[in-house]
Amino acid sequence: MPIRDERDEYAAAISRITAAAFERAPHSSGTEAHIVEALRQAGALALSLVATSDDGSIVGHVVFSPVRIYGKPGRWYGLGPVSVAPDVQRHGVGSALIREGLARLATLDADGSVVLGDPAYYGRFGFVSDPGLTDGGSRAGTFRGWC
């Protein structure tokens, strides 16, 4: 499945896929598409990738944006949201997007990536749980760093 950088003309398709992907997710705030758009408008999409089907339509999206860890600047990137069209979920699209994004971050001299999500799922990509790393509330994050 081809994975490529986001282009301006993909924004509407990404918004539709993101909204659809999170529509029935129990952990969804319903704001994921708005988060992506706000990051885009702020110029904070450090890495934004799409996956396409055989016919060239966009079926998945992942974004990485700069974050501060423990309030300190660095070369850390937040992963997410990761969105996959409902009809192709559980077929490896999200995993492929995450793996490609992490590989690209590693070549950009990033210190690592953080994500707020299920440690069992994100552990497959090398993330480990850090209960001290939170979203400002009570939800603990996971992180993956490079040396």
C-alpha atoms as a PDB file:
ATOM      1  CA  MET A   1       0.000   0.000   0.000  1.00  0.00           C
ATOM      2  CA  PRO A   2       1.518   3.322  -1.021  1.00  0.00           C
ATOM      3  CA  ILE A   3       2.260   5.792   1.770  1.00  0.00           C
ATOM      4  CA  ARG A   4       3.123   9.354   0.887  1.00  0.00           C
ATOM      5  CA  ASP A   5       3.313  12.850   2.318  1.00  0.00           C
ATOM      6  CA  GLU A   6       0.118  14.815   2.761  1.00  0.00           C
ATOM      7  CA  ARG A   7      -0.629  17.387   0.064  1.00  0.00           C
ATOM      8  CA  ASP A   8      -2.952  20.387   0.359  1.00  0.00           C
ATOM      9  CA  GLU A   9      -5.626  18.788  -1.790  1.00  0.00           C
ATOM     10  CA  TYR A  10      -5.893  15.831   0.630  1.00  0.00           C
ATOM     11  CA  ALA A  11      -7.231  17.917   3.541  1.00  0.00           C
ATOM     12  CA  ALA A  12     -10.948  17.284   2.917  1.00  0.00           C
ATOM     13  CA  ALA A  13     -10.459  13.522   2.442  1.00  0.00           C
ATOM     14  CA  ILE A  14      -8.323  13.344   5.593  1.00  0.00           C
ATOM     15  CA  SER A  15     -11.021  15.159   7.564  1.00  0.00           C
ATOM     16  CA  ARG A  16     -13.721  12.767   6.324  1.00  0.00           C
ATOM     17  CA  ILE A  17     -11.642   9.675   7.083  1.00  0.00           C
ATOM     18  CA  THR A  18     -10.673  10.953  10.530  1.00  0.00           C
ATOM     19  CA  ALA A  19     -14.284  11.727  11.460  1.00  0.00           C
ATOM     20  CA  ALA A  20     -15.450   8.320  10.182  1.00  0.00           C
ATOM     21  CA  ALA A  21     -12.610   6.434  11.854  1.00  0.00           C
ATOM     22  CA  PHE A  22     -13.429   7.839  15.288  1.00  0.00           C
ATOM     23  CA  GLU A  23     -17.214   8.060  14.954  1.00  0.00           C
ATOM     24  CA  ARG A  24     -17.915   4.915  16.984  1.00  0.00           C
ATOM     25  CA  ALA A  25     -14.656   4.612  18.938  1.00  0.00           C
ATOM     26  CA  PRO A  26     -15.396   4.446  22.679  1.00  0.00           C
ATOM     27  CA  HIS A  27     -12.283   6.492  23.521  1.00  0.00           C
ATOM     28  CA  SER A  28     -13.070   9.247  21.001  1.00  0.00           C
ATOM     29  CA  SER A  29     -13.707  12.836  21.995  1.00  0.00           C
ATOM     30  CA  GLY A  30     -15.280  13.505  18.596  1.00  0.00           C
ATOM     31  CA  THR A  31     -12.741  16.252  17.981  1.00  0.00           C
ATOM     32  CA  GLU A  32     -10.042  14.295  16.175  1.00  0.00           C
ATOM     33  CA  ALA A  33     -10.706  15.814  12.728  1.00  0.00           C
ATOM     34  CA  HIS A  34     -10.690  19.272  14.303  1.00  0.00           C
ATOM     35  CA  ILE A  35      -7.385  18.501  16.033  1.00  0.00           C
ATOM     36  CA  VAL A  36      -5.780  17.614  12.709  1.00  0.00           C
ATOM     37  CA  GLU A  37      -7.134  20.769  11.089  1.00  0.00           C
ATOM     38  CA  ALA A  38      -5.975  22.953  13.996  1.00  0.00           C
ATOM     39  CA  LEU A  39      -2.475  21.451  13.767  1.00  0.00           C
ATOM     40  CA  ARG A  40      -2.483  22.041  10.011  1.00  0.00           C
ATOM     41  CA  GLN A  41      -3.591  25.675  10.435  1.00  0.00           C
ATOM     42  CA  ALA A  42      -0.920  26.236  13.102  1.00  0.00           C
ATOM     43  CA  GLY A  43       1.784  24.848  10.813  1.00  0.00           C
ATOM     44  CA  ALA A  44       2.431  22.112  13.363  1.00  0.00           C
ATOM     45  CA  LEU A  45       2.235  19.057  11.100  1.00  0.00           C
ATOM     46  CA  ALA A  46       5.867  18.045  11.316  1.00  0.00           C
ATOM     47  CA  LEU A  47       5.037  14.821   9.499  1.00  0.00           C
ATOM     48  CA  SER A  48       1.679  14.013   7.928  1.00  0.00           C
ATOM     49  CA  LEU A  49       1.329  10.830   5.899  1.00  0.00           C
ATOM     50  CA  VAL A  50      -1.508   9.233   3.950  1.00  0.00           C
ATOM     51  CA  ALA A  51      -2.051   5.658   2.825  1.00  0.00           C
ATOM     52  CA  THR A  52      -3.790   5.080  -0.472  1.00  0.00           C
ATOM     53  CA  SER A  53      -5.717   2.194  -1.963  1.00  0.00           C
ATOM     54  CA  ASP A  54      -5.016   0.618  -5.339  1.00  0.00           C
ATOM     55  CA  ASP A  55      -7.276   3.177  -7.015  1.00  0.00           C
ATOM     56  CA  GLY A  56      -5.396   6.084  -5.387  1.00  0.00           C
ATOM     57  CA  SER A  57      -8.059   7.053  -2.854  1.00  0.00           C
ATOM     58  CA  ILE A  58      -6.916   7.954   0.649  1.00  0.00           C
ATOM     59  CA  VAL A  59      -7.711   5.235   3.176  1.00  0.00           C
ATOM     60  CA  GLY A  60      -5.570   6.278   6.150  1.00  0.00           C
ATOM     61  CA  HIS A  61      -3.717   9.143   7.760  1.00  0.00           C
ATOM     62  CA  VAL A  62      -1.217   9.712  10.559  1.00  0.00           C
ATOM     63  CA  VAL A  63       0.241  12.901  11.921  1.00  0.00           C
ATOM     64  CA  PHE A  64       3.252  13.715  14.088  1.00  0.00           C
ATOM     65  CA  SER A  65       3.576  17.155  15.658  1.00  0.00           C
ATOM     66  CA  PRO A  66       6.218  18.747  17.914  1.00  0.00           C
ATOM     67  CA  VAL A  67       5.626  18.391  21.669  1.00  0.00           C
ATOM     68  CA  ARG A  68       7.390  19.329  24.889  1.00  0.00           C
ATOM     69  CA  ILE A  69       8.236  16.569  27.324  1.00  0.00           C
ATOM     70  CA  TYR A  70       7.931  17.551  30.983  1.00  0.00           C
ATOM     71  CA  GLY A  71       7.628  21.163  29.772  1.00  0.00           C
ATOM     72  CA  LYS A  72      11.043  21.156  28.145  1.00  0.00           C
ATOM     73  CA  PRO A  73      11.730  21.750  24.458  1.00  0.00           C
ATOM     74  CA  GLY A  74      13.406  19.027  22.469  1.00  0.00           C
ATOM     75  CA  ARG A  75      13.062  17.012  19.314  1.00  0.00           C
ATOM     76  CA  TRP A  76      10.025  15.023  20.471  1.00  0.00           C
ATOM     77  CA  TYR A  77       6.913  14.435  18.408  1.00  0.00           C
ATOM     78  CA  GLY A  78       3.391  13.501  19.380  1.00  0.00           C
ATOM     79  CA  LEU A  79       1.844  10.713  17.322  1.00  0.00           C
ATOM     80  CA  GLY A  80      -1.764  11.033  16.408  1.00  0.00           C
ATOM     81  CA  PRO A  81      -4.390  10.900  15.577  1.00  0.00           C
ATOM     82  CA  VAL A  82      -4.066   7.815  13.418  1.00  0.00           C
ATOM     83  CA  SER A  83      -7.125   7.419  11.204  1.00  0.00           C
ATOM     84  CA  VAL A  84      -8.150   4.547   8.959  1.00  0.00           C
ATOM     85  CA  ALA A  85     -11.308   4.354   6.856  1.00  0.00           C
ATOM     86  CA  PRO A  86     -13.747   2.017   8.634  1.00  0.00           C
ATOM     87  CA  ASP A  87     -13.999  -0.408   5.686  1.00  0.00           C
ATOM     88  CA  VAL A  88     -10.245  -1.143   5.789  1.00  0.00           C
ATOM     89  CA  GLN A  89      -9.634  -1.078   9.543  1.00  0.00           C
ATOM     90  CA  ARG A  90      -7.860  -4.125  10.975  1.00  0.00           C
ATOM     91  CA  HIS A  91      -5.996  -4.718   7.718  1.00  0.00           C
ATOM     92  CA  GLY A  92      -2.643  -3.206   8.736  1.00  0.00           C
ATOM     93  CA  VAL A  93      -3.138   0.302   7.324  1.00  0.00           C
ATOM     94  CA  GLY A  94      -2.702   2.054  10.675  1.00  0.00           C
ATOM     95  CA  SER A  95       0.300  -0.092  11.556  1.00  0.00           C
ATOM     96  CA  ALA A  96       1.933   0.663   8.213  1.00  0.00           C
ATOM     97  CA  LEU A  97       1.386   4.399   8.699  1.00  0.00           C
ATOM     98  CA  ILE A  98       2.806   4.336  12.230  1.00  0.00           C
ATOM     99  CA  ARG A  99       5.857   2.293  11.215  1.00  0.00           C
ATOM    100  CA  GLU A 100       6.602   4.566   8.253  1.00  0.00           C
ATOM    101  CA  GLY A 101       6.163   7.674  10.388  1.00  0.00           C
ATOM    102  CA  LEU A 102       8.487   6.384  13.112  1.00  0.00           C
ATOM    103  CA  ALA A 103      11.086   5.390  10.516  1.00  0.00           C
ATOM    104  CA  ARG A 104      10.987   8.878   9.029  1.00  0.00           C
ATOM    105  CA  LEU A 105      11.257  10.513  12.454  1.00  0.00           C
ATOM    106  CA  ALA A 106      14.343   8.447  13.194  1.00  0.00           C
ATOM    107  CA  THR A 107      16.027   9.888  10.089  1.00  0.00           C
ATOM    108  CA  LEU A 108      15.127  13.444  11.162  1.00  0.00           C
ATOM    109  CA  ASP A 109      17.312  13.256  14.289  1.00  0.00           C
ATOM    110  CA  ALA A 110      14.214  13.127  16.518  1.00  0.00           C
ATOM    111  CA  ASP A 111      14.666  12.261  20.167  1.00  0.00           C
ATOM    112  CA  GLY A 112      11.513  10.184  20.026  1.00  0.00           C
ATOM    113  CA  SER A 113       7.756  10.127  19.913  1.00  0.00           C
ATOM    114  CA  VAL A 114       4.969  10.089  22.470  1.00  0.00           C
ATOM    115  CA  VAL A 115       1.395   8.938  22.141  1.00  0.00           C
ATOM    116  CA  LEU A 116      -1.595   8.868  24.427  1.00  0.00           C
ATOM    117  CA  GLY A 117      -3.022   5.433  23.911  1.00  0.00           C
ATOM    118  CA  ASP A 118      -3.190   1.777  24.782  1.00  0.00           C
ATOM    119  CA  PRO A 119       0.265   0.518  25.806  1.00  0.00           C
ATOM    120  CA  ALA A 120      -0.606  -2.987  24.566  1.00  0.00           C
ATOM    121  CA  TYR A 121      -1.303  -1.661  21.069  1.00  0.00           C
ATOM    122  CA  TYR A 122       1.513   0.880  20.851  1.00  0.00           C
ATOM    123  CA  GLY A 123       3.968  -1.518  22.474  1.00  0.00           C
ATOM    124  CA  ARG A 124       4.107  -3.307  19.098  1.00  0.00           C
ATOM    125  CA  PHE A 125       5.902  -0.238  17.758  1.00  0.00           C
ATOM    126  CA  GLY A 126       8.428   0.062  20.582  1.00  0.00           C
ATOM    127  CA  PHE A 127       6.470   2.405  22.855  1.00  0.00           C
ATOM    128  CA  VAL A 128       6.583   1.841  26.614  1.00  0.00           C
ATOM    129  CA  SER A 129       4.235   3.184  29.248  1.00  0.00           C
ATOM    130  CA  ASP A 130       5.308   6.068  31.476  1.00  0.00           C
ATOM    131  CA  PRO A 131       2.744   6.794  34.215  1.00  0.00           C
ATOM    132  CA  GLY A 132       4.529  10.104  34.922  1.00  0.00           C
ATOM    133  CA  LEU A 133       3.879  11.330  31.393  1.00  0.00           C
ATOM    134  CA  THR A 134       0.309  12.615  31.225  1.00  0.00           C
ATOM    135  CA  ASP A 135      -1.915  14.767  29.063  1.00  0.00           C
ATOM    136  CA  GLY A 136      -2.220  17.282  31.893  1.00  0.00           C
ATOM    137  CA  GLY A 137      -4.959  15.188  33.441  1.00  0.00           C
ATOM    138  CA  SER A 138      -4.998  11.622  34.621  1.00  0.00           C
ATOM    139  CA  ARG A 139      -4.328   9.728  31.386  1.00  0.00           C
ATOM    140  CA  ALA A 140      -0.835   8.292  31.193  1.00  0.00           C
ATOM    141  CA  GLY A 141       1.061   8.331  27.925  1.00  0.00           C
ATOM    142  CA  THR A 142       3.489   6.017  26.256  1.00  0.00           C
ATOM    143  CA  PHE A 143       6.738   6.983  24.653  1.00  0.00           C
ATOM    144  CA  ARG A 144       9.376   5.730  22.301  1.00  0.00           C
ATOM    145  CA  GLY A 145      12.796   7.296  22.279  1.00  0.00           C
ATOM    146  CA  TRP A 146      15.961   6.946  20.316  1.00  0.00           C
ATOM    147  CA  CYS A 147      19.535   7.325  21.481  1.00  0.00           C
END
